Amino acid sequence: SGGKVFLIVDTDRASAAALHAEEKLPYPVLLDEHGAVARTFGVPVGGRQTVVVGPSGKVAYHIRGVDVGRHGPQVVAISNARLRP
């Protein structure tokens, strides 16, 4: 409840906008051109990972090595789990 979903990319604004439009993403794409957000949450710059931050601001789940074919069910399973504050 109250969760937010967004994609953080380390590209330029035009590339991020093109990705958002091409994939018809139902959530915003945020820019992290210098990798500060990635480093904060332990994601290698340029890496594809999913990080779920709990209400306390700490990482509650971290999916490394995202497999696009299995990622949807992984995210649904996480969304059904209870996040600890």
N, C-alpha and C. Protein backbone atom coordinates (compact mmCIF):
# COMPACT_ATOMS: atom_id res chain seq x y z
N SER A 1 0.84 -1.18 0.00
CA SER A 1 0.00 0.00 0.00
C SER A 1 0.88 1.24 0.00
N GLY A 2 0.58 2.17 -0.88
CA GLY A 2 1.34 3.39 -0.95
C GLY A 2 2.66 3.24 -1.68
N GLY A 3 2.89 2.10 -2.32
CA GLY A 3 4.15 1.87 -3.02
C GLY A 3 4.25 2.69 -4.28
N LYS A 4 5.47 2.96 -4.68
CA LYS A 4 5.75 3.70 -5.91
C LYS A 4 6.67 2.86 -6.77
N VAL A 5 6.43 2.86 -8.06
CA VAL A 5 7.27 2.13 -9.01
C VAL A 5 7.84 3.13 -10.00
N PHE A 6 9.14 3.02 -10.25
CA PHE A 6 9.76 3.83 -11.27
C PHE A 6 11.02 3.15 -11.75
N LEU A 7 11.45 3.53 -12.92
CA LEU A 7 12.67 3.01 -13.52
C LEU A 7 13.71 4.11 -13.47
N ILE A 8 14.90 3.76 -13.00
CA ILE A 8 15.99 4.73 -12.96
C ILE A 8 16.99 4.31 -14.02
N VAL A 9 17.34 5.23 -14.90
CA VAL A 9 18.26 4.94 -15.99
C VAL A 9 19.46 5.88 -15.94
N ASP A 10 20.58 5.39 -16.45
CA ASP A 10 21.80 6.20 -16.46
C ASP A 10 22.10 6.73 -17.86
N THR A 11 21.03 7.14 -18.54
CA THR A 11 21.17 7.67 -19.89
C THR A 11 20.80 9.15 -19.89
N ASP A 12 20.74 9.72 -21.05
CA ASP A 12 20.33 11.12 -21.17
C ASP A 12 18.81 11.21 -21.24
N ARG A 13 18.30 12.42 -21.12
CA ARG A 13 16.85 12.66 -21.09
C ARG A 13 16.15 12.15 -22.34
N ALA A 14 16.72 12.39 -23.52
CA ALA A 14 16.09 11.96 -24.78
C ALA A 14 15.98 10.44 -24.85
N SER A 15 17.04 9.73 -24.45
CA SER A 15 17.01 8.26 -24.47
C SER A 15 16.00 7.72 -23.46
N ALA A 16 15.93 8.35 -22.29
CA ALA A 16 14.96 7.92 -21.28
C ALA A 16 13.53 8.13 -21.77
N ALA A 17 13.28 9.26 -22.41
CA ALA A 17 11.95 9.55 -22.94
C ALA A 17 11.58 8.56 -24.04
N ALA A 18 12.55 8.22 -24.89
CA ALA A 18 12.30 7.26 -25.97
C ALA A 18 11.98 5.88 -25.39
N LEU A 19 12.73 5.46 -24.37
CA LEU A 19 12.48 4.18 -23.72
C LEU A 19 11.08 4.15 -23.12
N HIS A 20 10.71 5.22 -22.43
CA HIS A 20 9.40 5.30 -21.80
C HIS A 20 8.28 5.17 -22.83
N ALA A 21 8.43 5.86 -23.95
CA ALA A 21 7.41 5.83 -25.00
C ALA A 21 7.40 4.48 -25.71
N GLU A 22 8.57 3.96 -26.04
CA GLU A 22 8.67 2.70 -26.79
C GLU A 22 8.09 1.52 -26.00
N GLU A 23 8.41 1.48 -24.72
CA GLU A 23 7.95 0.36 -23.87
C GLU A 23 6.55 0.60 -23.29
N LYS A 24 6.01 1.80 -23.51
CA LYS A 24 4.70 2.17 -22.97
C LYS A 24 4.63 1.90 -21.46
N LEU A 25 5.65 2.36 -20.76
CA LEU A 25 5.75 2.11 -19.33
C LEU A 25 4.67 2.87 -18.56
N PRO A 26 4.01 2.19 -17.63
CA PRO A 26 2.95 2.84 -16.85
C PRO A 26 3.48 3.56 -15.61
N TYR A 27 4.78 3.77 -15.56
CA TYR A 27 5.40 4.43 -14.42
C TYR A 27 6.50 5.36 -14.95
N PRO A 28 6.94 6.31 -14.13
CA PRO A 28 7.93 7.27 -14.60
C PRO A 28 9.33 6.68 -14.75
N VAL A 29 10.10 7.31 -15.61
CA VAL A 29 11.52 6.99 -15.77
C VAL A 29 12.29 8.17 -15.20
N LEU A 30 13.19 7.88 -14.26
CA LEU A 30 13.98 8.91 -13.62
C LEU A 30 15.42 8.83 -14.10
N LEU A 31 16.08 9.97 -14.21
CA LEU A 31 17.46 10.02 -14.69
C LEU A 31 18.46 9.96 -13.54
N ASP A 32 19.49 9.17 -13.74
CA ASP A 32 20.61 9.07 -12.81
C ASP A 32 21.89 9.11 -13.63
N GLU A 33 22.07 10.21 -14.36
CA GLU A 33 23.16 10.32 -15.33
C GLU A 33 24.55 10.11 -14.75
N HIS A 34 24.74 10.42 -13.49
CA HIS A 34 26.07 10.30 -12.89
C HIS A 34 26.18 9.10 -11.94
N GLY A 35 25.11 8.32 -11.81
CA GLY A 35 25.16 7.09 -11.03
C GLY A 35 25.03 7.23 -9.52
N ALA A 36 24.68 8.41 -9.03
CA ALA A 36 24.60 8.61 -7.58
C ALA A 36 23.54 7.73 -6.93
N VAL A 37 22.37 7.62 -7.55
CA VAL A 37 21.30 6.80 -6.98
C VAL A 37 21.69 5.33 -7.03
N ALA A 38 22.26 4.90 -8.14
CA ALA A 38 22.70 3.51 -8.27
C ALA A 38 23.68 3.16 -7.16
N ARG A 39 24.66 4.00 -6.94
CA ARG A 39 25.65 3.74 -5.88
C ARG A 39 25.01 3.70 -4.50
N THR A 40 24.05 4.57 -4.26
CA THR A 40 23.38 4.62 -2.95
C THR A 40 22.74 3.27 -2.61
N PHE A 41 22.17 2.61 -3.62
CA PHE A 41 21.47 1.36 -3.38
C PHE A 41 22.27 0.13 -3.81
N GLY A 42 23.57 0.30 -4.06
CA GLY A 42 24.43 -0.83 -4.35
C GLY A 42 24.25 -1.45 -5.71
N VAL A 43 23.79 -0.67 -6.68
CA VAL A 43 23.60 -1.17 -8.04
C VAL A 43 24.75 -0.66 -8.89
N PRO A 44 25.44 -1.57 -9.59
CA PRO A 44 26.52 -1.10 -10.47
C PRO A 44 25.94 -0.18 -11.55
N VAL A 45 26.64 0.91 -11.82
CA VAL A 45 26.18 1.82 -12.86
C VAL A 45 26.12 1.04 -14.17
N GLY A 46 24.99 1.14 -14.85
CA GLY A 46 24.79 0.40 -16.09
C GLY A 46 24.22 -0.99 -15.87
N GLY A 47 24.07 -1.38 -14.61
CA GLY A 47 23.52 -2.70 -14.30
C GLY A 47 22.01 -2.69 -14.32
N ARG A 48 21.43 -3.84 -14.56
CA ARG A 48 19.97 -3.95 -14.56
C ARG A 48 19.58 -4.74 -13.31
N GLN A 49 19.02 -4.05 -12.34
CA GLN A 49 18.61 -4.67 -11.10
C GLN A 49 17.33 -4.03 -10.62
N THR A 50 16.61 -4.74 -9.78
CA THR A 50 15.40 -4.20 -9.18
C THR A 50 15.65 -4.08 -7.68
N VAL A 51 15.39 -2.91 -7.17
CA VAL A 51 15.55 -2.64 -5.75
C VAL A 51 14.20 -2.18 -5.22
N VAL A 52 13.75 -2.82 -4.15
CA VAL A 52 12.51 -2.40 -3.49
C VAL A 52 12.91 -1.78 -2.16
N VAL A 53 12.57 -0.52 -2.00
CA VAL A 53 12.89 0.21 -0.79
C VAL A 53 11.65 0.22 0.09
N GLY A 54 11.81 -0.24 1.33
CA GLY A 54 10.69 -0.30 2.27
C GLY A 54 10.36 1.07 2.84
N PRO A 55 9.29 1.13 3.62
CA PRO A 55 8.85 2.41 4.21
C PRO A 55 9.92 3.09 5.06
N SER A 56 10.86 2.32 5.61
CA SER A 56 11.91 2.89 6.44
C SER A 56 13.01 3.56 5.61
N GLY A 57 12.96 3.37 4.27
CA GLY A 57 14.00 3.91 3.41
C GLY A 57 15.15 2.96 3.18
N LYS A 58 15.05 1.76 3.75
CA LYS A 58 16.10 0.76 3.57
C LYS A 58 15.67 -0.26 2.51
N VAL A 59 16.67 -0.86 1.87
CA VAL A 59 16.39 -1.86 0.84
C VAL A 59 15.73 -3.08 1.49
N ALA A 60 14.52 -3.41 1.01
CA ALA A 60 13.78 -4.56 1.53
C ALA A 60 13.99 -5.78 0.65
N TYR A 61 14.13 -5.58 -0.65
CA TYR A 61 14.37 -6.65 -1.62
C TYR A 61 15.31 -6.13 -2.68
N HIS A 62 16.17 -7.02 -3.16
CA HIS A 62 17.12 -6.64 -4.20
C HIS A 62 17.21 -7.82 -5.17
N ILE A 63 16.80 -7.61 -6.39
CA ILE A 63 16.87 -8.65 -7.41
C ILE A 63 18.03 -8.29 -8.33
N ARG A 64 19.07 -9.11 -8.28
CA ARG A 64 20.24 -8.90 -9.13
C ARG A 64 20.11 -9.81 -10.36
N GLY A 65 20.74 -9.44 -11.44
CA GLY A 65 20.70 -10.28 -12.63
C GLY A 65 19.29 -10.49 -13.12
N VAL A 66 18.58 -9.42 -13.37
CA VAL A 66 17.18 -9.48 -13.79
C VAL A 66 17.04 -10.31 -15.05
N ASP A 67 16.18 -11.32 -14.98
CA ASP A 67 15.81 -12.14 -16.13
C ASP A 67 14.47 -11.62 -16.61
N VAL A 68 14.46 -10.92 -17.73
CA VAL A 68 13.25 -10.24 -18.20
C VAL A 68 12.06 -11.19 -18.29
N GLY A 69 12.28 -12.42 -18.72
CA GLY A 69 11.20 -13.38 -18.87
C GLY A 69 10.55 -13.79 -17.55
N ARG A 70 11.30 -13.75 -16.47
CA ARG A 70 10.78 -14.14 -15.15
C ARG A 70 10.51 -12.96 -14.24
N HIS A 71 10.88 -11.77 -14.69
CA HIS A 71 10.85 -10.62 -13.79
C HIS A 71 9.44 -10.22 -13.34
N GLY A 72 8.48 -10.30 -14.25
CA GLY A 72 7.10 -9.94 -13.88
C GLY A 72 6.62 -10.74 -12.67
N PRO A 73 6.69 -12.08 -12.71
CA PRO A 73 6.26 -12.87 -11.55
C PRO A 73 7.07 -12.57 -10.28
N GLN A 74 8.37 -12.26 -10.45
CA GLN A 74 9.18 -11.91 -9.28
C GLN A 74 8.64 -10.64 -8.62
N VAL A 75 8.34 -9.65 -9.43
CA VAL A 75 7.85 -8.38 -8.89
C VAL A 75 6.48 -8.56 -8.26
N VAL A 76 5.62 -9.37 -8.86
CA VAL A 76 4.30 -9.64 -8.28
C VAL A 76 4.46 -10.32 -6.93
N ALA A 77 5.36 -11.30 -6.83
CA ALA A 77 5.59 -11.99 -5.56
C ALA A 77 6.07 -11.01 -4.49
N ILE A 78 6.96 -10.11 -4.87
CA ILE A 78 7.44 -9.11 -3.92
C ILE A 78 6.30 -8.19 -3.50
N SER A 79 5.47 -7.78 -4.44
CA SER A 79 4.38 -6.85 -4.11
C SER A 79 3.36 -7.51 -3.19
N ASN A 80 3.26 -8.83 -3.23
CA ASN A 80 2.33 -9.54 -2.35
C ASN A 80 2.92 -9.79 -0.98
N ALA A 81 4.24 -9.64 -0.85
CA ALA A 81 4.91 -9.85 0.45
C ALA A 81 4.77 -8.58 1.29
N ARG A 82 4.84 -8.76 2.57
CA ARG A 82 4.73 -7.61 3.46
C ARG A 82 6.11 -7.00 3.67
N LEU A 83 6.24 -5.70 3.43
CA LEU A 83 7.50 -5.00 3.63
C LEU A 83 7.59 -4.55 5.07
N ARG A 84 8.73 -4.81 5.67
CA ARG A 84 8.95 -4.37 7.06
C ARG A 84 9.37 -2.91 7.07
N PRO A 85 8.86 -2.14 8.05
CA PRO A 85 9.27 -0.72 8.13
C PRO A 85 10.74 -0.57 8.49
